[in-house]
Amino acid sequence: DYFGCTVDFLVGRDEDYIRTDIRREQPLTEEERRLI
């Protein structure tokens, strides 16, 4: 919740950092991730 990622990302089940609810709208670019 604090870092805006999934638990699956933290435990290594998913390499995508972005939470699912955010991912549905539009994936972030690498530049947007760096900005965050």
PDB file of all heavy atoms in Angstrom:
ATOM      1  N   ASP A   1       0.828  -1.210   0.000  1.00  0.00           N
ATOM      2  CA  ASP A   1       0.000   0.000   0.000  1.00  0.00           C
ATOM      3  C   ASP A   1       0.860   1.257   0.000  1.00  0.00           C
ATOM      4  O   ASP A   1       0.589   2.205  -0.728  1.00  0.00           O
ATOM      5  CB  ASP A   1      -0.936   0.013   1.212  1.00  0.00           C
ATOM      6  CG  ASP A   1      -2.085  -0.964   1.091  1.00  0.00           C
ATOM      7  OD1 ASP A   1      -2.317  -1.493  -0.025  1.00  0.00           O
ATOM      8  OD2 ASP A   1      -2.756  -1.213   2.117  1.00  0.00           O
ATOM      9  N   TYR A   2       1.895   1.251   0.821  1.00  0.00           N
ATOM     10  CA  TYR A   2       2.743   2.445   0.914  1.00  0.00           C
ATOM     11  C   TYR A   2       3.480   2.719  -0.396  1.00  0.00           C
ATOM     12  O   TYR A   2       3.528   3.848  -0.870  1.00  0.00           O
ATOM     13  CB  TYR A   2       3.748   2.327   2.072  1.00  0.00           C
ATOM     14  CG  TYR A   2       4.579   3.570   2.183  1.00  0.00           C
ATOM     15  CD1 TYR A   2       4.061   4.702   2.799  1.00  0.00           C
ATOM     16  CD2 TYR A   2       5.853   3.631   1.638  1.00  0.00           C
ATOM     17  CE1 TYR A   2       4.797   5.867   2.863  1.00  0.00           C
ATOM     18  CE2 TYR A   2       6.605   4.804   1.702  1.00  0.00           C
ATOM     19  CZ  TYR A   2       6.070   5.912   2.313  1.00  0.00           C
ATOM     20  OH  TYR A   2       6.804   7.070   2.368  1.00  0.00           O
ATOM     21  N   PHE A   3       4.058   1.677  -0.992  1.00  0.00           N
ATOM     22  CA  PHE A   3       4.853   1.865  -2.200  1.00  0.00           C
ATOM     23  C   PHE A   3       4.035   1.769  -3.486  1.00  0.00           C
ATOM     24  O   PHE A   3       4.566   1.954  -4.575  1.00  0.00           O
ATOM     25  CB  PHE A   3       6.019   0.866  -2.233  1.00  0.00           C
ATOM     26  CG  PHE A   3       7.073   1.168  -1.208  1.00  0.00           C
ATOM     27  CD1 PHE A   3       7.325   0.288  -0.170  1.00  0.00           C
ATOM     28  CD2 PHE A   3       7.816   2.330  -1.284  1.00  0.00           C
ATOM     29  CE1 PHE A   3       8.299   0.563   0.781  1.00  0.00           C
ATOM     30  CE2 PHE A   3       8.794   2.622  -0.332  1.00  0.00           C
ATOM     31  CZ  PHE A   3       9.030   1.731   0.700  1.00  0.00           C
ATOM     32  N   GLY A   4       2.732   1.485  -3.381  1.00  0.00           N
ATOM     33  CA  GLY A   4       1.876   1.441  -4.556  1.00  0.00           C
ATOM     34  C   GLY A   4       2.169   0.275  -5.481  1.00  0.00           C
ATOM     35  O   GLY A   4       2.083   0.384  -6.697  1.00  0.00           O
ATOM     36  N   CYS A   5       2.536  -0.851  -4.899  1.00  0.00           N
ATOM     37  CA  CYS A   5       2.829  -2.044  -5.697  1.00  0.00           C
ATOM     38  C   CYS A   5       1.951  -3.190  -5.215  1.00  0.00           C
ATOM     39  O   CYS A   5       1.133  -3.013  -4.323  1.00  0.00           O
ATOM     40  CB  CYS A   5       4.304  -2.416  -5.603  1.00  0.00           C
ATOM     41  SG  CYS A   5       4.864  -2.874  -3.941  1.00  0.00           S
ATOM     42  N   THR A   6       2.114  -4.338  -5.801  1.00  0.00           N
ATOM     43  CA  THR A   6       1.345  -5.506  -5.383  1.00  0.00           C
ATOM     44  C   THR A   6       2.161  -6.348  -4.407  1.00  0.00           C
ATOM     45  O   THR A   6       3.399  -6.293  -4.405  1.00  0.00           O
ATOM     46  CB  THR A   6       0.970  -6.391  -6.589  1.00  0.00           C
ATOM     47  OG1 THR A   6       2.174  -6.910  -7.170  1.00  0.00           O
ATOM     48  CG2 THR A   6       0.182  -5.618  -7.621  1.00  0.00           C
ATOM     49  N   VAL A   7       1.475  -7.134  -3.609  1.00  0.00           N
ATOM     50  CA  VAL A   7       2.148  -8.098  -2.746  1.00  0.00           C
ATOM     51  C   VAL A   7       2.865  -9.120  -3.634  1.00  0.00           C
ATOM     52  O   VAL A   7       3.983  -9.549  -3.317  1.00  0.00           O
ATOM     53  CB  VAL A   7       1.154  -8.780  -1.776  1.00  0.00           C
ATOM     54  CG1 VAL A   7       1.819  -9.924  -1.024  1.00  0.00           C
ATOM     55  CG2 VAL A   7       0.580  -7.758  -0.797  1.00  0.00           C
ATOM     56  N   ASP A   8       2.247  -9.498  -4.749  1.00  0.00           N
ATOM     57  CA  ASP A   8       2.889 -10.435  -5.680  1.00  0.00           C
ATOM     58  C   ASP A   8       4.244  -9.910  -6.148  1.00  0.00           C
ATOM     59  O   ASP A   8       5.201 -10.674  -6.289  1.00  0.00           O
ATOM     60  CB  ASP A   8       1.994 -10.707  -6.886  1.00  0.00           C
ATOM     61  CG  ASP A   8       0.901 -11.719  -6.597  1.00  0.00           C
ATOM     62  OD1 ASP A   8       0.932 -12.331  -5.511  1.00  0.00           O
ATOM     63  OD2 ASP A   8       0.027 -11.899  -7.455  1.00  0.00           O
ATOM     64  N   PHE A   9       4.347  -8.608  -6.385  1.00  0.00           N
ATOM     65  CA  PHE A   9       5.630  -8.020  -6.769  1.00  0.00           C
ATOM     66  C   PHE A   9       6.647  -8.192  -5.643  1.00  0.00           C
ATOM     67  O   PHE A   9       7.792  -8.577  -5.874  1.00  0.00           O
ATOM     68  CB  PHE A   9       5.463  -6.536  -7.111  1.00  0.00           C
ATOM     69  CG  PHE A   9       6.767  -5.811  -7.291  1.00  0.00           C
ATOM     70  CD1 PHE A   9       7.496  -5.946  -8.459  1.00  0.00           C
ATOM     71  CD2 PHE A   9       7.269  -5.001  -6.281  1.00  0.00           C
ATOM     72  CE1 PHE A   9       8.716  -5.280  -8.619  1.00  0.00           C
ATOM     73  CE2 PHE A   9       8.472  -4.333  -6.435  1.00  0.00           C
ATOM     74  CZ  PHE A   9       9.199  -4.486  -7.606  1.00  0.00           C
ATOM     75  N   LEU A  10       6.217  -7.926  -4.412  1.00  0.00           N
ATOM     76  CA  LEU A  10       7.130  -8.006  -3.273  1.00  0.00           C
ATOM     77  C   LEU A  10       7.657  -9.418  -3.047  1.00  0.00           C
ATOM     78  O   LEU A  10       8.811  -9.598  -2.694  1.00  0.00           O
ATOM     79  CB  LEU A  10       6.444  -7.506  -1.994  1.00  0.00           C
ATOM     80  CG  LEU A  10       6.069  -6.024  -1.959  1.00  0.00           C
ATOM     81  CD1 LEU A  10       5.309  -5.706  -0.685  1.00  0.00           C
ATOM     82  CD2 LEU A  10       7.294  -5.143  -2.102  1.00  0.00           C
ATOM     83  N   VAL A  11       6.810 -10.420  -3.270  1.00  0.00           N
ATOM     84  CA  VAL A  11       7.231 -11.798  -3.007  1.00  0.00           C
ATOM     85  C   VAL A  11       7.808 -12.481  -4.241  1.00  0.00           C
ATOM     86  O   VAL A  11       8.150 -13.659  -4.197  1.00  0.00           O
ATOM     87  CB  VAL A  11       6.084 -12.649  -2.404  1.00  0.00           C
ATOM     88  CG1 VAL A  11       5.634 -12.060  -1.077  1.00  0.00           C
ATOM     89  CG2 VAL A  11       4.929 -12.804  -3.375  1.00  0.00           C
ATOM     90  N   GLY A  12       7.915 -11.746  -5.352  1.00  0.00           N
ATOM     91  CA  GLY A  12       8.565 -12.288  -6.537  1.00  0.00           C
ATOM     92  C   GLY A  12       7.666 -13.065  -7.481  1.00  0.00           C
ATOM     93  O   GLY A  12       8.155 -13.709  -8.405  1.00  0.00           O
ATOM     94  N   ARG A  13       6.364 -13.005  -7.287  1.00  0.00           N
ATOM     95  CA  ARG A  13       5.444 -13.708  -8.186  1.00  0.00           C
ATOM     96  C   ARG A  13       5.117 -12.894  -9.421  1.00  0.00           C
ATOM     97  O   ARG A  13       4.581 -13.416 -10.389  1.00  0.00           O
ATOM     98  CB  ARG A  13       4.144 -14.027  -7.454  1.00  0.00           C
ATOM     99  CG  ARG A  13       4.313 -15.086  -6.381  1.00  0.00           C
ATOM    100  CD  ARG A  13       2.994 -15.542  -5.855  1.00  0.00           C
ATOM    101  NE  ARG A  13       2.186 -15.993  -6.976  1.00  0.00           N
ATOM    102  CZ  ARG A  13       0.888 -16.256  -6.918  1.00  0.00           C
ATOM    103  NH1 ARG A  13       0.256 -16.117  -5.782  1.00  0.00           N
ATOM    104  NH2 ARG A  13       0.220 -16.654  -7.962  1.00  0.00           N
ATOM    105  N   ASP A  14       5.375 -11.601  -9.391  1.00  0.00           N
ATOM    106  CA  ASP A  14       5.064 -10.705 -10.498  1.00  0.00           C
ATOM    107  C   ASP A  14       6.181  -9.677 -10.580  1.00  0.00           C
ATOM    108  O   ASP A  14       6.510  -9.049  -9.591  1.00  0.00           O
ATOM    109  CB  ASP A  14       3.716 -10.025 -10.241  1.00  0.00           C
ATOM    110  CG  ASP A  14       3.206  -9.193 -11.400  1.00  0.00           C
ATOM    111  OD1 ASP A  14       3.942  -9.022 -12.390  1.00  0.00           O
ATOM    112  OD2 ASP A  14       2.073  -8.701 -11.312  1.00  0.00           O
ATOM    113  N   GLU A  15       6.757  -9.542 -11.737  1.00  0.00           N
ATOM    114  CA  GLU A  15       7.838  -8.566 -11.895  1.00  0.00           C
ATOM    115  C   GLU A  15       7.326  -7.173 -12.229  1.00  0.00           C
ATOM    116  O   GLU A  15       8.085  -6.224 -12.301  1.00  0.00           O
ATOM    117  CB  GLU A  15       8.826  -9.036 -12.965  1.00  0.00           C
ATOM    118  CG  GLU A  15       9.652 -10.224 -12.512  1.00  0.00           C
ATOM    119  CD  GLU A  15      10.382  -9.977 -11.189  1.00  0.00           C
ATOM    120  OE1 GLU A  15      11.031  -8.926 -11.031  1.00  0.00           O
ATOM    121  OE2 GLU A  15      10.286 -10.837 -10.296  1.00  0.00           O
ATOM    122  N   ASP A  16       6.015  -7.030 -12.442  1.00  0.00           N
ATOM    123  CA  ASP A  16       5.435  -5.729 -12.742  1.00  0.00           C
ATOM    124  C   ASP A  16       5.154  -5.008 -11.435  1.00  0.00           C
ATOM    125  O   ASP A  16       4.382  -5.478 -10.607  1.00  0.00           O
ATOM    126  CB  ASP A  16       4.147  -5.895 -13.552  1.00  0.00           C
ATOM    127  CG  ASP A  16       3.673  -4.593 -14.171  1.00  0.00           C
ATOM    128  OD1 ASP A  16       4.282  -3.538 -13.899  1.00  0.00           O
ATOM    129  OD2 ASP A  16       2.701  -4.632 -14.937  1.00  0.00           O
ATOM    130  N   TYR A  17       5.759  -3.858 -11.263  1.00  0.00           N
ATOM    131  CA  TYR A  17       5.682  -3.092 -10.021  1.00  0.00           C
ATOM    132  C   TYR A  17       4.301  -2.493  -9.781  1.00  0.00           C
ATOM    133  O   TYR A  17       3.858  -2.361  -8.661  1.00  0.00           O
ATOM    134  CB  TYR A  17       6.731  -1.975 -10.086  1.00  0.00           C
ATOM    135  CG  TYR A  17       6.709  -1.004  -8.942  1.00  0.00           C
ATOM    136  CD1 TYR A  17       7.401  -1.283  -7.775  1.00  0.00           C
ATOM    137  CD2 TYR A  17       6.002   0.189  -9.011  1.00  0.00           C
ATOM    138  CE1 TYR A  17       7.398  -0.402  -6.716  1.00  0.00           C
ATOM    139  CE2 TYR A  17       5.989   1.079  -7.955  1.00  0.00           C
ATOM    140  CZ  TYR A  17       6.693   0.781  -6.820  1.00  0.00           C
ATOM    141  OH  TYR A  17       6.687   1.646  -5.768  1.00  0.00           O
ATOM    142  N   ILE A  18       3.611  -2.128 -10.833  1.00  0.00           N
ATOM    143  CA  ILE A  18       2.393  -1.336 -10.723  1.00  0.00           C
ATOM    144  C   ILE A  18       1.214  -2.175 -10.229  1.00  0.00           C
ATOM    145  O   ILE A  18       1.006  -3.288 -10.678  1.00  0.00           O
ATOM    146  CB  ILE A  18       2.043  -0.691 -12.086  1.00  0.00           C
ATOM    147  CG1 ILE A  18       3.220   0.152 -12.578  1.00  0.00           C
ATOM    148  CG2 ILE A  18       0.786   0.153 -11.994  1.00  0.00           C
ATOM    149  CD1 ILE A  18       3.654   1.249 -11.638  1.00  0.00           C
ATOM    150  N   ARG A  19       0.431  -1.588  -9.330  1.00  0.00           N
ATOM    151  CA  ARG A  19      -0.760  -2.268  -8.828  1.00  0.00           C
ATOM    152  C   ARG A  19      -1.766  -2.490  -9.945  1.00  0.00           C
ATOM    153  O   ARG A  19      -1.886  -1.710 -10.869  1.00  0.00           O
ATOM    154  CB  ARG A  19      -1.432  -1.423  -7.737  1.00  0.00           C
ATOM    155  CG  ARG A  19      -0.707  -1.463  -6.444  1.00  0.00           C
ATOM    156  CD  ARG A  19      -1.460  -0.858  -5.293  1.00  0.00           C
ATOM    157  NE  ARG A  19      -2.663  -0.159  -5.622  1.00  0.00           N
ATOM    158  CZ  ARG A  19      -3.047   0.962  -5.034  1.00  0.00           C
ATOM    159  NH1 ARG A  19      -2.308   1.504  -4.111  1.00  0.00           N
ATOM    160  NH2 ARG A  19      -4.172   1.542  -5.364  1.00  0.00           N
ATOM    161  N   THR A  20      -2.544  -3.554  -9.827  1.00  0.00           N
ATOM    162  CA  THR A  20      -3.520  -3.932 -10.841  1.00  0.00           C
ATOM    163  C   THR A  20      -4.545  -2.840 -11.097  1.00  0.00           C
ATOM    164  O   THR A  20      -4.891  -2.566 -12.237  1.00  0.00           O
ATOM    165  CB  THR A  20      -4.240  -5.234 -10.428  1.00  0.00           C
ATOM    166  OG1 THR A  20      -3.260  -6.224 -10.182  1.00  0.00           O
ATOM    167  CG2 THR A  20      -5.179  -5.714 -11.498  1.00  0.00           C
ATOM    168  N   ASP A  21      -5.046  -2.195 -10.058  1.00  0.00           N
ATOM    169  CA  ASP A  21      -6.080  -1.190 -10.269  1.00  0.00           C
ATOM    170  C   ASP A  21      -5.560  -0.006 -11.073  1.00  0.00           C
ATOM    171  O   ASP A  21      -6.288   0.604 -11.835  1.00  0.00           O
ATOM    172  CB  ASP A  21      -6.687  -0.724  -8.947  1.00  0.00           C
ATOM    173  CG  ASP A  21      -5.684  -0.126  -7.982  1.00  0.00           C
ATOM    174  OD1 ASP A  21      -4.502  -0.502  -8.031  1.00  0.00           O
ATOM    175  OD2 ASP A  21      -6.085   0.710  -7.162  1.00  0.00           O
ATOM    176  N   ILE A  22      -4.275   0.308 -10.943  1.00  0.00           N
ATOM    177  CA  ILE A  22      -3.677   1.372 -11.733  1.00  0.00           C
ATOM    178  C   ILE A  22      -3.392   0.863 -13.143  1.00  0.00           C
ATOM    179  O   ILE A  22      -3.606   1.560 -14.121  1.00  0.00           O
ATOM    180  CB  ILE A  22      -2.369   1.869 -11.072  1.00  0.00           C
ATOM    181  CG1 ILE A  22      -2.677   2.483  -9.707  1.00  0.00           C
ATOM    182  CG2 ILE A  22      -1.655   2.861 -11.956  1.00  0.00           C
ATOM    183  CD1 ILE A  22      -1.454   2.787  -8.878  1.00  0.00           C
ATOM    184  N   ARG A  23      -2.947  -0.370 -13.249  1.00  0.00           N
ATOM    185  CA  ARG A  23      -2.559  -0.964 -14.521  1.00  0.00           C
ATOM    186  C   ARG A  23      -3.729  -0.995 -15.506  1.00  0.00           C
ATOM    187  O   ARG A  23      -3.536  -0.861 -16.705  1.00  0.00           O
ATOM    188  CB  ARG A  23      -2.028  -2.380 -14.278  1.00  0.00           C
ATOM    189  CG  ARG A  23      -1.216  -2.926 -15.399  1.00  0.00           C
ATOM    190  CD  ARG A  23      -0.732  -4.335 -15.134  1.00  0.00           C
ATOM    191  NE  ARG A  23      -0.138  -4.504 -13.844  1.00  0.00           N
ATOM    192  CZ  ARG A  23      -0.256  -5.595 -13.111  1.00  0.00           C
ATOM    193  NH1 ARG A  23      -0.936  -6.621 -13.527  1.00  0.00           N
ATOM    194  NH2 ARG A  23       0.311  -5.674 -11.923  1.00  0.00           N
ATOM    195  N   ARG A  24      -4.945  -1.164 -15.024  1.00  0.00           N
ATOM    196  CA  ARG A  24      -6.109  -1.256 -15.903  1.00  0.00           C
ATOM    197  C   ARG A  24      -6.321   0.023 -16.690  1.00  0.00           C
ATOM    198  O   ARG A  24      -6.789  -0.018 -17.807  1.00  0.00           O
ATOM    199  CB  ARG A  24      -7.365  -1.556 -15.089  1.00  0.00           C
ATOM    200  CG  ARG A  24      -7.487  -2.988 -14.736  1.00  0.00           C
ATOM    201  CD  ARG A  24      -8.855  -3.254 -14.130  1.00  0.00           C
ATOM    202  NE  ARG A  24      -8.698  -4.282 -13.148  1.00  0.00           N
ATOM    203  CZ  ARG A  24      -9.091  -4.212 -11.892  1.00  0.00           C
ATOM    204  NH1 ARG A  24      -9.726  -3.168 -11.457  1.00  0.00           N
ATOM    205  NH2 ARG A  24      -8.866  -5.192 -11.063  1.00  0.00           N
ATOM    206  N   GLU A  25      -6.035   1.152 -16.080  1.00  0.00           N
ATOM    207  CA  GLU A  25      -6.278   2.413 -16.750  1.00  0.00           C
ATOM    208  C   GLU A  25      -5.299   2.608 -17.912  1.00  0.00           C
ATOM    209  O   GLU A  25      -5.706   2.773 -19.039  1.00  0.00           O
ATOM    210  CB  GLU A  25      -6.154   3.570 -15.773  1.00  0.00           C
ATOM    211  CG  GLU A  25      -7.260   3.564 -14.745  1.00  0.00           C
ATOM    212  CD  GLU A  25      -7.103   4.671 -13.742  1.00  0.00           C
ATOM    213  OE1 GLU A  25      -6.378   5.639 -14.021  1.00  0.00           O
ATOM    214  OE2 GLU A  25      -7.708   4.552 -12.675  1.00  0.00           O
ATOM    215  N   GLN A  26      -4.034   2.631 -17.625  1.00  0.00           N
ATOM    216  CA  GLN A  26      -3.005   2.789 -18.645  1.00  0.00           C
ATOM    217  C   GLN A  26      -1.656   2.516 -17.989  1.00  0.00           C
ATOM    218  O   GLN A  26      -1.343   3.116 -16.966  1.00  0.00           O
ATOM    219  CB  GLN A  26      -3.040   4.210 -19.213  1.00  0.00           C
ATOM    220  CG  GLN A  26      -2.027   4.441 -20.294  1.00  0.00           C
ATOM    221  CD  GLN A  26      -2.118   5.859 -20.842  1.00  0.00           C
ATOM    222  OE1 GLN A  26      -2.925   6.661 -20.404  1.00  0.00           O
ATOM    223  NE2 GLN A  26      -1.289   6.170 -21.792  1.00  0.00           N
ATOM    224  N   PRO A  27      -0.877   1.626 -18.575  1.00  0.00           N
ATOM    225  CA  PRO A  27       0.423   1.320 -17.967  1.00  0.00           C
ATOM    226  C   PRO A  27       1.317   2.562 -17.916  1.00  0.00           C
ATOM    227  O   PRO A  27       1.279   3.400 -18.815  1.00  0.00           O
ATOM    228  CB  PRO A  27       1.017   0.269 -18.899  1.00  0.00           C
ATOM    229  CG  PRO A  27      -0.109  -0.225 -19.737  1.00  0.00           C
ATOM    230  CD  PRO A  27      -1.125   0.868 -19.779  1.00  0.00           C
ATOM    231  N   LEU A  28       2.098   2.667 -16.851  1.00  0.00           N
ATOM    232  CA  LEU A  28       3.051   3.768 -16.742  1.00  0.00           C
ATOM    233  C   LEU A  28       4.275   3.481 -17.594  1.00  0.00           C
ATOM    234  O   LEU A  28       4.726   2.345 -17.681  1.00  0.00           O
ATOM    235  CB  LEU A  28       3.488   3.949 -15.288  1.00  0.00           C
ATOM    236  CG  LEU A  28       2.425   4.377 -14.291  1.00  0.00           C
ATOM    237  CD1 LEU A  28       3.026   4.438 -12.891  1.00  0.00           C
ATOM    238  CD2 LEU A  28       1.828   5.708 -14.663  1.00  0.00           C
ATOM    239  N   THR A  29       4.817   4.535 -18.177  1.00  0.00           N
ATOM    240  CA  THR A  29       6.072   4.404 -18.904  1.00  0.00           C
ATOM    241  C   THR A  29       7.211   4.386 -17.893  1.00  0.00           C
ATOM    242  O   THR A  29       7.021   4.715 -16.713  1.00  0.00           O
ATOM    243  CB  THR A  29       6.279   5.592 -19.864  1.00  0.00           C
ATOM    244  OG1 THR A  29       6.418   6.798 -19.078  1.00  0.00           O
ATOM    245  CG2 THR A  29       5.118   5.741 -20.840  1.00  0.00           C
ATOM    246  N   GLU A  30       8.390   4.035 -18.347  1.00  0.00           N
ATOM    247  CA  GLU A  30       9.555   4.037 -17.456  1.00  0.00           C
ATOM    248  C   GLU A  30       9.814   5.450 -16.931  1.00  0.00           C
ATOM    249  O   GLU A  30      10.166   5.638 -15.764  1.00  0.00           O
ATOM    250  CB  GLU A  30      10.788   3.499 -18.187  1.00  0.00           C
ATOM    251  CG  GLU A  30      12.000   3.334 -17.293  1.00  0.00           C
ATOM    252  CD  GLU A  30      11.759   2.405 -16.120  1.00  0.00           C
ATOM    253  OE1 GLU A  30      11.017   1.408 -16.257  1.00  0.00           O
ATOM    254  OE2 GLU A  30      12.311   2.672 -15.038  1.00  0.00           O
ATOM    255  N   GLU A  31       9.625   6.453 -17.775  1.00  0.00           N
ATOM    256  CA  GLU A  31       9.819   7.839 -17.354  1.00  0.00           C
ATOM    257  C   GLU A  31       8.823   8.226 -16.253  1.00  0.00           C
ATOM    258  O   GLU A  31       9.186   8.891 -15.279  1.00  0.00           O
ATOM    259  CB  GLU A  31       9.663   8.777 -18.550  1.00  0.00           C
ATOM    260  CG  GLU A  31       9.974  10.220 -18.245  1.00  0.00           C
ATOM    261  CD  GLU A  31       9.900  11.078 -19.493  1.00  0.00           C
ATOM    262  OE1 GLU A  31       8.976  10.888 -20.307  1.00  0.00           O
ATOM    263  OE2 GLU A  31      10.779  11.935 -19.646  1.00  0.00           O
ATOM    264  N   GLU A  32       7.576   7.779 -16.380  1.00  0.00           N
ATOM    265  CA  GLU A  32       6.574   8.060 -15.356  1.00  0.00           C
ATOM    266  C   GLU A  32       6.918   7.361 -14.047  1.00  0.00           C
ATOM    267  O   GLU A  32       6.751   7.933 -12.968  1.00  0.00           O
ATOM    268  CB  GLU A  32       5.188   7.627 -15.842  1.00  0.00           C
ATOM    269  CG  GLU A  32       4.653   8.515 -16.958  1.00  0.00           C
ATOM    270  CD  GLU A  32       3.433   7.934 -17.650  1.00  0.00           C
ATOM    271  OE1 GLU A  32       3.334   6.691 -17.770  1.00  0.00           O
ATOM    272  OE2 GLU A  32       2.582   8.739 -18.080  1.00  0.00           O
ATOM    273  N   ARG A  33       7.434   6.160 -14.132  1.00  0.00           N
ATOM    274  CA  ARG A  33       7.840   5.441 -12.917  1.00  0.00           C
ATOM    275  C   ARG A  33       8.976   6.170 -12.221  1.00  0.00           C
ATOM    276  O   ARG A  33       8.989   6.300 -10.998  1.00  0.00           O
ATOM    277  CB  ARG A  33       8.276   4.014 -13.252  1.00  0.00           C
ATOM    278  CG  ARG A  33       7.150   3.109 -13.641  1.00  0.00           C
ATOM    279  CD  ARG A  33       7.685   1.756 -14.010  1.00  0.00           C
ATOM    280  NE  ARG A  33       6.650   0.991 -14.661  1.00  0.00           N
ATOM    281  CZ  ARG A  33       6.508  -0.315 -14.555  1.00  0.00           C
ATOM    282  NH1 ARG A  33       7.344  -1.009 -13.839  1.00  0.00           N
ATOM    283  NH2 ARG A  33       5.540  -0.937 -15.173  1.00  0.00           N
ATOM    284  N   ARG A  34       9.950   6.651 -12.993  1.00  0.00           N
ATOM    285  CA  ARG A  34      11.067   7.399 -12.402  1.00  0.00           C
ATOM    286  C   ARG A  34      10.561   8.670 -11.744  1.00  0.00           C
ATOM    287  O   ARG A  34      11.036   9.059 -10.677  1.00  0.00           O
ATOM    288  CB  ARG A  34      12.108   7.732 -13.457  1.00  0.00           C
ATOM    289  CG  ARG A  34      12.970   6.543 -13.855  1.00  0.00           C
ATOM    290  CD  ARG A  34      14.063   6.957 -14.774  1.00  0.00           C
ATOM    291  NE  ARG A  34      13.419   7.713 -15.855  1.00  0.00           N
ATOM    292  CZ  ARG A  34      14.022   8.236 -16.898  1.00  0.00           C
ATOM    293  NH1 ARG A  34      15.304   8.136 -17.024  1.00  0.00           N
ATOM    294  NH2 ARG A  34      13.370   8.891 -17.828  1.00  0.00           N
ATOM    295  N   LEU A  35       9.587   9.332 -12.380  1.00  0.00           N
ATOM    296  CA  LEU A  35       9.015  10.550 -11.819  1.00  0.00           C
ATOM    297  C   LEU A  35       8.350  10.271 -10.476  1.00  0.00           C
ATOM    298  O   LEU A  35       8.493  11.039  -9.525  1.00  0.00           O
ATOM    299  CB  LEU A  35       8.006  11.161 -12.798  1.00  0.00           C
ATOM    300  CG  LEU A  35       7.379  12.487 -12.395  1.00  0.00           C
ATOM    301  CD1 LEU A  35       8.446  13.557 -12.188  1.00  0.00           C
ATOM    302  CD2 LEU A  35       6.390  12.929 -13.458  1.00  0.00           C
ATOM    303  N   ILE A  36       7.652   9.157 -10.369  1.00  0.00           N
ATOM    304  CA  ILE A  36       7.008   8.780  -9.110  1.00  0.00           C
ATOM    305  C   ILE A  36       8.054   8.552  -8.021  1.00  0.00           C
ATOM    306  O   ILE A  36       7.909   9.026  -6.895  1.00  0.00           O
ATOM    307  CB  ILE A  36       6.121   7.526  -9.300  1.00  0.00           C
ATOM    308  CG1 ILE A  36       4.896   7.892 -10.146  1.00  0.00           C
ATOM    309  CG2 ILE A  36       5.705   6.940  -7.949  1.00  0.00           C
ATOM    310  CD1 ILE A  36       4.102   6.701 -10.627  1.00  0.00           C
TER     311      ILE A  36
END
